[in-house]
Amino acid sequence: MSNSSIEIISVNQLVPGMFVNKVTNQKGDLRVKSQGLVNKTSIIEALKEKGILELEVDYSRSNMEMIKQHQGELEVESPDQEEVPVPKKKKVPFGEALSASQKLHEQAKKAHDTFLEKIRSGDNADVESIKAVSEEIIDSIFHDADALTCVSLIKDSPDYILEHSVNCAIYMTIFAKHMGFDKELTEELCLAGFLMDTGMATIPNDLLEKKGKLTKDDRQLIEMHVDIGAELIEQSEDVSDNVLEIIRNHHERLDGSGYPEGKSGDHINIYARMAAIVDSYDALTNDRPYRKGLTPTGALKKLLSDSTGKYDQTLIHQFIRSIGVHPVGSLVKLKSGKLGIIVRSNKDEPLRPEVMTFYSLKSGHHTEIKKIDLRHTDDEIATSVRPEEFKINLTKFFREVFVPSIQNK
């Protein structure tokens, strides 16, 4: 990480969104645990009361959007902060971007499948192959996040861990982009999304696909995947501490109810907290042997309704802002009685995204695929729905009809 993103500031300059590395000047000898993301003003007031005068802030780990909100319309820039480079490319039609994203998603699954097979056969983990596809995912997301997000919600792989890992890499990258993280950190979080469930490759498949209630022994065996995965990835060269920290802690929870160590609060860093949200969100939207998956909006509502303090609610709100209240790829019912797939998010009016309608509930038949920008119509989203409710094979429809029909839209 470049030191140019680090600055010493007065406590009076500190605002929510800044990541504090350490205290550099204070009154008295009281030791204050200060490292972490400042997410509310009460933390700043507490630091002032404890005699903190100056702090070291790392802008590469800070949430620049949150900082801008708290500093008004003033432009906030860290000194020479390294940003993820986004080469200028001609904007391609959504259908073309969707087709390319579909191919990239399949490529990522194949690369990860090869990676996991090597793990299962006892070979060393080939992290370099995953790094290569991670870079392509990052490039794709920084040019058209909507297209790859849309593809990630089409669940069709019989190997849950394979598809889950690829999707976690995608969501971690989208989350990192939204948080304003630099290139190096974004690469680390994307890679961690791929690798955090590596240990699952060593767990018997019949246990992973068990339909009945898990026994205590079952749960203990599954929970071992965290330590196993960390040990496997530690053997690889050039894997950062941030990646290993996420692998070890993505199942820890703020209230201490997670595993493997039952860590809580400040013992879980911001990146592991982000990973916990991403991991849980994608898991909730997947069908599992013991339950049906939730709609994307339903999964977000479940995370928001957590009253036990398992997740960082400030980060959950940031995650929702990164993927949308109705995430791209969601199947929704409009008040007009049409079904559609959300294809474009709208940051300014999140409840009014662009939707491709394809089915009429009034007639009970498929219709011509039509793009509707809800910002410019009286129609609106009534609810997020599951395709089974209308006996629609969404995966087959998406691949065989939807993608080909909107190639030039």
Protein backbone atom coordinates (compact mmCIF):
# COMPACT_ATOMS: atom_id res chain seq x y z
CA MET A 1 0.00 0.00 0.00
CA SER A 2 1.39 3.35 -0.95
CA ASN A 3 2.25 5.64 1.97
CA SER A 4 0.96 8.59 -0.09
CA SER A 5 -2.57 7.68 1.01
CA ILE A 6 -1.67 8.23 4.69
CA GLU A 7 -1.98 11.60 6.42
CA ILE A 8 -1.74 12.94 9.98
CA ILE A 9 -4.80 15.06 10.81
CA SER A 10 -6.22 16.92 13.80
CA VAL A 11 -9.08 15.22 15.63
CA ASN A 12 -11.18 18.25 14.63
CA GLN A 13 -10.71 17.23 10.96
CA LEU A 14 -11.87 13.69 11.61
CA VAL A 15 -15.24 12.78 10.03
CA PRO A 16 -17.21 9.55 9.61
CA GLY A 17 -15.85 7.46 6.77
CA MET A 18 -12.18 7.92 7.64
CA PHE A 19 -10.05 4.88 8.48
CA VAL A 20 -7.78 5.58 11.46
CA ASN A 21 -4.49 3.67 11.66
CA LYS A 22 -3.34 4.99 15.03
CA VAL A 23 -3.26 7.88 17.48
CA THR A 24 -0.18 10.06 16.98
CA ASN A 25 -0.73 12.73 19.62
CA GLN A 26 -2.83 12.82 22.77
CA LYS A 27 -3.13 14.28 26.26
CA GLY A 28 -2.31 11.95 29.14
CA ASP A 29 -1.22 8.31 29.12
CA LEU A 30 -4.58 6.61 28.58
CA ARG A 31 -4.16 4.00 25.85
CA VAL A 32 -6.92 4.13 23.24
CA LYS A 33 -7.66 1.37 20.73
CA SER A 34 -8.16 3.55 17.69
CA GLN A 35 -7.57 1.53 14.51
CA GLY A 36 -10.63 1.08 12.35
CA LEU A 37 -13.28 2.80 10.27
CA VAL A 38 -14.97 5.73 11.98
CA ASN A 39 -18.65 5.26 11.13
CA LYS A 40 -20.44 7.71 13.44
CA THR A 41 -19.86 11.08 15.09
CA SER A 42 -20.21 9.65 18.61
CA ILE A 43 -16.90 7.85 18.11
CA ILE A 44 -15.22 11.16 17.26
CA GLU A 45 -16.67 12.81 20.35
CA ALA A 46 -15.44 9.90 22.50
CA LEU A 47 -11.92 10.29 21.08
CA LYS A 48 -11.95 14.01 21.88
CA GLU A 49 -13.11 13.32 25.44
CA LYS A 50 -10.20 10.90 25.89
CA GLY A 51 -7.72 13.61 24.97
CA ILE A 52 -6.91 12.55 21.40
CA LEU A 53 -5.31 15.41 19.46
CA GLU A 54 -4.00 13.94 16.20
CA LEU A 55 -4.48 10.70 14.29
CA GLU A 56 -3.02 8.91 11.30
CA VAL A 57 -5.67 8.38 8.62
CA ASP A 58 -5.37 5.94 5.72
CA TYR A 59 -7.49 7.26 2.84
CA SER A 60 -7.01 4.08 0.79
CA ARG A 61 -9.05 2.23 3.43
CA SER A 62 -11.53 5.04 4.00
CA ASN A 63 -15.07 5.34 2.65
CA MET A 64 -14.63 8.41 0.46
CA GLU A 65 -18.34 8.68 -0.31
CA MET A 66 -19.20 8.84 3.39
CA ILE A 67 -16.47 11.44 3.94
CA LYS A 68 -17.89 13.64 1.16
CA GLN A 69 -21.37 13.41 2.66
CA HIS A 70 -20.11 14.66 6.01
CA GLN A 71 -17.95 17.39 4.52
CA GLY A 72 -20.71 18.74 2.30
CA GLU A 73 -20.09 19.35 -1.38
CA LEU A 74 -16.38 19.99 -0.93
CA GLU A 75 -14.17 17.72 -3.01
CA VAL A 76 -12.32 15.30 -0.75
CA GLU A 77 -9.13 13.79 -2.04
CA SER A 78 -6.34 11.98 -0.27
CA PRO A 79 -2.83 13.10 -1.18
CA ASP A 80 -1.94 11.33 -4.43
CA GLN A 81 -4.33 8.48 -3.63
CA GLU A 82 -3.93 5.61 -6.04
CA GLU A 83 -7.28 4.90 -7.62
CA VAL A 84 -8.30 1.87 -9.60
CA PRO A 85 -7.40 2.82 -13.18
CA VAL A 86 -10.37 2.81 -15.52
CA PRO A 87 -9.24 2.94 -19.14
CA LYS A 88 -11.61 4.85 -21.37
CA LYS A 89 -13.73 2.46 -23.36
CA LYS A 90 -16.62 3.01 -25.67
CA LYS A 91 -19.90 2.31 -23.88
CA VAL A 92 -21.28 -0.93 -25.27
CA PRO A 93 -24.98 -1.84 -25.45
CA PHE A 94 -26.24 -3.62 -22.35
CA GLY A 95 -26.98 -6.82 -24.26
CA GLU A 96 -23.40 -6.98 -25.48
CA ALA A 97 -22.07 -6.27 -21.98
CA LEU A 98 -24.37 -8.95 -20.56
CA SER A 99 -23.14 -11.55 -23.06
CA ALA A 100 -19.51 -10.73 -22.25
CA SER A 101 -20.23 -10.89 -18.51
CA GLN A 102 -21.90 -14.27 -18.94
CA LYS A 103 -18.75 -15.60 -20.62
CA LEU A 104 -16.53 -14.10 -17.91
CA HIS A 105 -18.69 -15.67 -15.19
CA GLU A 106 -18.33 -19.07 -16.84
CA GLN A 107 -14.59 -18.53 -17.26
CA ALA A 108 -14.27 -17.65 -13.58
CA LYS A 109 -16.20 -20.75 -12.56
CA LYS A 110 -13.98 -22.98 -14.70
CA ALA A 111 -10.82 -21.42 -13.26
CA HIS A 112 -12.08 -21.85 -9.73
CA ASP A 113 -13.24 -25.39 -10.44
CA THR A 114 -9.71 -26.29 -11.57
CA PHE A 115 -8.34 -24.59 -8.46
CA LEU A 116 -10.64 -26.57 -6.13
CA GLU A 117 -9.93 -29.85 -7.91
CA LYS A 118 -6.22 -29.36 -7.24
CA ILE A 119 -7.02 -28.76 -3.59
CA ARG A 120 -9.10 -31.96 -3.43
CA SER A 121 -6.32 -33.98 -5.05
CA GLY A 122 -3.79 -32.76 -2.50
CA ASP A 123 -1.85 -30.36 -4.77
CA ASN A 124 -0.73 -26.93 -3.68
CA ALA A 125 -3.21 -24.11 -4.20
CA ASP A 126 -2.52 -22.28 -7.49
CA VAL A 127 -3.55 -18.80 -6.38
CA GLU A 128 -1.96 -17.13 -9.42
CA SER A 129 -4.66 -18.56 -11.71
CA ILE A 130 -7.34 -17.04 -9.49
CA LYS A 131 -5.53 -13.70 -9.39
CA ALA A 132 -5.64 -13.57 -13.19
CA VAL A 133 -9.40 -14.01 -13.38
CA SER A 134 -9.83 -11.61 -10.43
CA GLU A 135 -8.21 -8.87 -12.49
CA GLU A 136 -10.70 -9.49 -15.31
CA ILE A 137 -13.62 -9.30 -12.90
CA ILE A 138 -12.36 -6.02 -11.47
CA ASP A 139 -11.95 -4.59 -14.97
CA SER A 140 -15.47 -5.70 -15.92
CA ILE A 141 -17.05 -4.24 -12.79
CA PHE A 142 -15.34 -0.88 -13.19
CA HIS A 143 -16.72 -0.65 -16.74
CA ASP A 144 -20.18 -2.15 -16.25
CA ALA A 145 -20.98 -3.55 -12.83
CA ASP A 146 -24.66 -4.00 -13.70
CA ALA A 147 -24.03 -6.64 -16.36
CA LEU A 148 -21.90 -8.91 -14.14
CA THR A 149 -24.24 -8.41 -11.16
CA CYS A 150 -27.15 -9.50 -13.32
CA VAL A 151 -25.37 -12.70 -14.33
CA SER A 152 -24.40 -13.48 -10.72
CA LEU A 153 -28.05 -13.81 -9.71
CA ILE A 154 -28.71 -16.58 -12.26
CA LYS A 155 -28.06 -19.68 -10.18
CA ASP A 156 -27.48 -22.76 -12.32
CA SER A 157 -24.38 -24.58 -11.08
CA PRO A 158 -24.81 -27.91 -9.25
CA ASP A 159 -21.68 -27.02 -7.27
CA TYR A 160 -22.83 -24.45 -4.71
CA ILE A 161 -19.34 -23.61 -3.39
CA LEU A 162 -18.06 -23.01 -6.91
CA GLU A 163 -20.75 -20.52 -7.86
CA HIS A 164 -20.86 -18.98 -4.39
CA SER A 165 -17.13 -18.24 -4.45
CA VAL A 166 -17.29 -16.52 -7.84
CA ASN A 167 -20.27 -14.44 -6.75
CA CYS A 168 -18.56 -13.44 -3.50
CA ALA A 169 -15.58 -12.22 -5.52
CA ILE A 170 -17.96 -10.12 -7.66
CA TYR A 171 -19.81 -8.63 -4.69
CA MET A 172 -16.60 -7.91 -2.76
CA THR A 173 -15.31 -5.98 -5.78
CA ILE A 174 -18.54 -4.00 -6.14
CA PHE A 175 -18.47 -3.27 -2.40
CA ALA A 176 -14.81 -2.18 -2.55
CA LYS A 177 -15.53 0.08 -5.54
CA HIS A 178 -18.40 1.72 -3.67
CA MET A 179 -16.23 2.24 -0.59
CA GLY A 180 -13.63 4.03 -2.72
CA PHE A 181 -10.80 1.60 -1.92
CA ASP A 182 -7.60 1.74 -3.96
CA LYS A 183 -6.47 -0.72 -6.63
CA GLU A 184 -4.33 -2.92 -4.40
CA LEU A 185 -6.99 -3.27 -1.72
CA THR A 186 -9.73 -3.92 -4.29
CA GLU A 187 -7.62 -6.74 -5.77
CA GLU A 188 -7.14 -8.22 -2.30
CA LEU A 189 -10.86 -8.18 -1.51
CA CYS A 190 -11.79 -9.72 -4.86
CA LEU A 191 -9.22 -12.48 -4.34
CA ALA A 192 -10.46 -13.05 -0.79
CA GLY A 193 -14.01 -13.47 -2.11
CA PHE A 194 -12.77 -16.30 -4.31
CA LEU A 195 -10.67 -17.96 -1.61
CA MET A 196 -12.55 -17.58 1.67
CA ASP A 197 -14.40 -20.90 1.34
CA THR A 198 -11.45 -22.87 -0.09
CA GLY A 199 -11.59 -25.22 2.90
CA MET A 200 -15.07 -26.35 1.85
CA ALA A 201 -13.41 -28.36 -0.93
CA THR A 202 -12.20 -30.78 1.76
CA ILE A 203 -15.62 -31.29 3.39
CA PRO A 204 -17.57 -34.43 2.28
CA ASN A 205 -20.18 -33.49 -0.32
CA ASP A 206 -22.90 -35.61 1.29
CA LEU A 207 -22.57 -33.44 4.39
CA LEU A 208 -22.75 -30.20 2.39
CA GLU A 209 -25.88 -31.46 0.62
CA LYS A 210 -27.55 -32.90 3.73
CA LYS A 211 -31.26 -32.07 3.79
CA GLY A 212 -31.94 -32.84 7.42
CA LYS A 213 -30.87 -31.00 10.54
CA LEU A 214 -27.13 -30.92 11.12
CA THR A 215 -25.83 -32.63 14.24
CA LYS A 216 -23.29 -31.03 16.54
CA ASP A 217 -20.57 -33.17 14.95
CA ASP A 218 -21.75 -32.13 11.47
CA ARG A 219 -21.49 -28.45 12.37
CA GLN A 220 -18.04 -28.88 13.92
CA LEU A 221 -16.79 -30.61 10.78
CA ILE A 222 -18.17 -27.90 8.48
CA GLU A 223 -16.74 -25.14 10.68
CA MET A 224 -13.30 -26.70 10.24
CA HIS A 225 -13.28 -25.39 6.66
CA VAL A 226 -12.13 -21.98 7.92
CA ASP A 227 -8.91 -23.20 9.53
CA ILE A 228 -8.27 -25.70 6.73
CA GLY A 229 -8.72 -23.02 4.08
CA ALA A 230 -6.42 -20.59 5.87
CA GLU A 231 -3.71 -23.26 6.19
CA LEU A 232 -3.98 -24.15 2.50
CA ILE A 233 -3.78 -20.54 1.30
CA GLU A 234 -0.94 -19.71 3.72
CA GLN A 235 1.22 -22.17 1.77
CA SER A 236 0.89 -20.00 -1.34
CA GLU A 237 3.34 -17.22 -2.01
CA ASP A 238 2.33 -13.59 -2.27
CA VAL A 239 -1.02 -13.77 -0.45
CA SER A 240 -1.54 -10.65 1.65
CA ASP A 241 -2.42 -10.45 5.32
CA ASN A 242 -5.76 -8.86 4.38
CA VAL A 243 -6.74 -11.92 2.31
CA LEU A 244 -5.75 -14.31 5.11
CA GLU A 245 -7.56 -12.18 7.68
CA ILE A 246 -10.77 -12.40 5.65
CA ILE A 247 -10.46 -16.17 5.21
CA ARG A 248 -9.98 -16.64 8.96
CA ASN A 249 -12.73 -14.25 10.08
CA HIS A 250 -15.55 -14.15 7.51
CA HIS A 251 -17.70 -16.41 9.72
CA GLU A 252 -16.99 -14.41 12.88
CA ARG A 253 -19.81 -12.17 14.09
CA LEU A 254 -19.75 -8.89 16.00
CA ASP A 255 -21.78 -10.35 18.89
CA GLY A 256 -19.28 -13.19 19.36
CA SER A 257 -21.63 -15.89 18.02
CA GLY A 258 -19.50 -16.77 14.98
CA TYR A 259 -16.68 -19.23 14.44
CA PRO A 260 -13.97 -20.53 14.60
CA GLU A 261 -12.80 -18.34 17.52
CA GLY A 262 -15.93 -16.50 18.59
CA LYS A 263 -14.32 -13.11 18.03
CA SER A 264 -16.39 -10.00 18.58
CA GLY A 265 -16.45 -6.24 18.04
CA ASP A 266 -13.14 -4.58 17.25
CA HIS A 267 -11.39 -7.95 16.99
CA ILE A 268 -13.00 -8.29 13.54
CA ASN A 269 -11.65 -5.80 11.00
CA ILE A 270 -13.67 -3.92 8.39
CA TYR A 271 -12.74 -6.27 5.54
CA ALA A 272 -13.88 -9.39 7.40
CA ARG A 273 -17.09 -7.57 8.31
CA MET A 274 -17.66 -6.78 4.64
CA ALA A 275 -16.96 -10.41 3.75
CA ALA A 276 -19.45 -11.63 6.36
CA ILE A 277 -22.17 -9.50 4.74
CA VAL A 278 -21.30 -10.59 1.19
CA ASP A 279 -21.02 -14.27 2.16
CA SER A 280 -24.37 -14.23 3.97
CA TYR A 281 -26.15 -12.27 1.24
CA ASP A 282 -25.19 -14.65 -1.54
CA ALA A 283 -25.91 -17.69 0.64
CA LEU A 284 -29.39 -16.37 1.48
CA THR A 285 -30.25 -15.93 -2.23
CA ASN A 286 -29.24 -19.52 -3.06
CA ASP A 287 -31.45 -22.60 -2.82
CA ARG A 288 -29.98 -25.05 -0.32
CA PRO A 289 -31.02 -28.65 0.38
CA TYR A 290 -32.72 -27.55 3.62
CA ARG A 291 -34.41 -24.33 2.41
CA LYS A 292 -35.40 -22.20 -0.56
CA GLY A 293 -33.38 -19.12 -1.35
CA LEU A 294 -34.74 -15.63 -0.69
CA THR A 295 -35.21 -12.93 -3.30
CA PRO A 296 -32.29 -10.44 -3.39
CA THR A 297 -34.44 -7.80 -1.70
CA GLY A 298 -35.64 -10.35 0.84
CA ALA A 299 -32.03 -11.25 1.67
CA LEU A 300 -31.14 -7.59 2.18
CA LYS A 301 -34.18 -7.12 4.45
CA LYS A 302 -33.10 -10.13 6.52
CA LEU A 303 -29.61 -8.69 7.00
CA LEU A 304 -31.10 -5.31 7.93
CA SER A 305 -33.50 -6.87 10.43
CA ASP A 306 -30.65 -8.50 12.39
CA SER A 307 -31.40 -7.40 15.95
CA THR A 308 -28.72 -9.51 17.60
CA GLY A 309 -25.81 -7.39 16.43
CA LYS A 310 -24.15 -10.07 14.30
CA TYR A 311 -23.42 -7.73 11.39
CA ASP A 312 -22.10 -4.20 11.05
CA GLN A 313 -25.30 -2.33 10.19
CA THR A 314 -23.41 0.70 8.87
CA LEU A 315 -21.66 -1.54 6.37
CA ILE A 316 -24.92 -3.28 5.47
CA HIS A 317 -26.36 0.09 4.49
CA GLN A 318 -23.24 0.75 2.40
CA PHE A 319 -23.57 -2.67 0.75
CA ILE A 320 -27.18 -1.95 -0.16
CA ARG A 321 -26.11 1.35 -1.67
CA SER A 322 -23.49 -0.49 -3.71
CA ILE A 323 -25.86 -3.07 -5.25
CA GLY A 324 -29.20 -1.26 -4.96
CA VAL A 325 -32.40 -1.71 -2.98
CA HIS A 326 -33.58 -3.92 -5.83
CA PRO A 327 -30.27 -5.42 -7.07
CA VAL A 328 -29.64 -5.78 -10.78
CA GLY A 329 -30.73 -9.25 -11.88
CA SER A 330 -33.71 -9.30 -9.51
CA LEU A 331 -37.04 -10.58 -10.79
CA VAL A 332 -39.74 -8.04 -9.91
CA LYS A 333 -43.47 -7.61 -10.33
CA LEU A 334 -44.61 -4.17 -11.47
CA LYS A 335 -47.89 -2.58 -10.43
CA SER A 336 -48.99 -2.82 -14.07
CA GLY A 337 -49.01 -6.61 -13.75
CA LYS A 338 -45.81 -7.22 -15.70
CA LEU A 339 -42.81 -9.28 -14.65
CA GLY A 340 -39.34 -8.01 -15.43
CA ILE A 341 -35.64 -8.32 -14.68
CA ILE A 342 -33.82 -5.28 -13.31
CA VAL A 343 -30.97 -4.48 -15.71
CA ARG A 344 -29.73 -1.05 -14.65
CA SER A 345 -29.48 0.48 -11.20
CA ASN A 346 -30.24 4.13 -10.53
CA LYS A 347 -28.06 5.65 -7.79
CA ASP A 348 -30.08 8.89 -7.65
CA GLU A 349 -33.49 7.17 -7.51
CA PRO A 350 -32.79 3.62 -6.26
CA LEU A 351 -36.48 2.66 -6.29
CA ARG A 352 -36.71 3.48 -10.01
CA PRO A 353 -34.21 1.31 -11.89
CA GLU A 354 -34.42 0.16 -15.51
CA VAL A 355 -36.41 -3.04 -16.01
CA MET A 356 -36.71 -5.43 -18.95
CA THR A 357 -40.30 -6.73 -18.91
CA PHE A 358 -41.06 -10.09 -20.53
CA TYR A 359 -44.22 -11.56 -18.97
CA SER A 360 -47.82 -10.43 -18.43
CA LEU A 361 -49.57 -11.68 -15.33
CA LYS A 362 -52.90 -10.63 -16.82
CA SER A 363 -52.58 -12.89 -19.85
CA GLY A 364 -50.33 -15.49 -18.24
CA HIS A 365 -47.99 -15.42 -21.26
CA HIS A 366 -44.53 -14.20 -22.22
CA THR A 367 -44.52 -10.86 -24.02
CA GLU A 368 -42.07 -9.01 -26.23
CA ILE A 369 -39.05 -8.01 -24.15
CA LYS A 370 -39.25 -4.28 -23.52
CA LYS A 371 -37.00 -1.93 -21.58
CA ILE A 372 -38.75 0.42 -19.14
CA ASP A 373 -36.95 3.20 -17.29
CA LEU A 374 -39.08 3.61 -14.17
CA ARG A 375 -37.89 7.20 -13.78
CA HIS A 376 -39.96 8.13 -16.84
CA THR A 377 -43.16 6.18 -16.27
CA ASP A 378 -46.03 5.96 -13.79
CA ASP A 379 -45.35 2.25 -13.33
CA GLU A 380 -43.37 1.11 -10.29
CA ILE A 381 -42.07 -2.00 -8.55
CA ALA A 382 -44.73 -3.71 -6.45
CA THR A 383 -42.52 -6.45 -5.02
CA SER A 384 -39.53 -8.69 -5.61
CA VAL A 385 -40.61 -12.24 -6.55
CA ARG A 386 -39.25 -15.73 -7.08
CA PRO A 387 -39.61 -17.34 -10.55
CA GLU A 388 -41.13 -20.52 -9.07
CA GLU A 389 -44.15 -18.49 -7.99
CA PHE A 390 -45.04 -18.17 -11.68
CA LYS A 391 -43.64 -21.52 -12.86
CA ILE A 392 -40.86 -19.77 -14.79
CA ASN A 393 -37.51 -21.46 -15.40
CA LEU A 394 -35.60 -18.19 -15.11
CA THR A 395 -32.17 -19.68 -15.78
CA LYS A 396 -33.26 -21.33 -19.02
CA PHE A 397 -35.20 -18.23 -20.08
CA PHE A 398 -32.27 -15.95 -19.26
CA ARG A 399 -29.72 -17.95 -21.25
CA GLU A 400 -31.84 -19.05 -24.21
CA VAL A 401 -34.20 -16.10 -24.70
CA PHE A 402 -33.35 -13.03 -22.63
CA VAL A 403 -29.64 -12.58 -23.42
CA PRO A 404 -29.93 -13.29 -27.19
CA SER A 405 -32.94 -11.00 -27.58
CA ILE A 406 -31.31 -7.91 -26.05
CA GLN A 407 -27.90 -8.16 -27.74
CA ASN A 408 -28.33 -4.72 -29.28
CA LYS A 409 -30.45 -3.01 -26.64
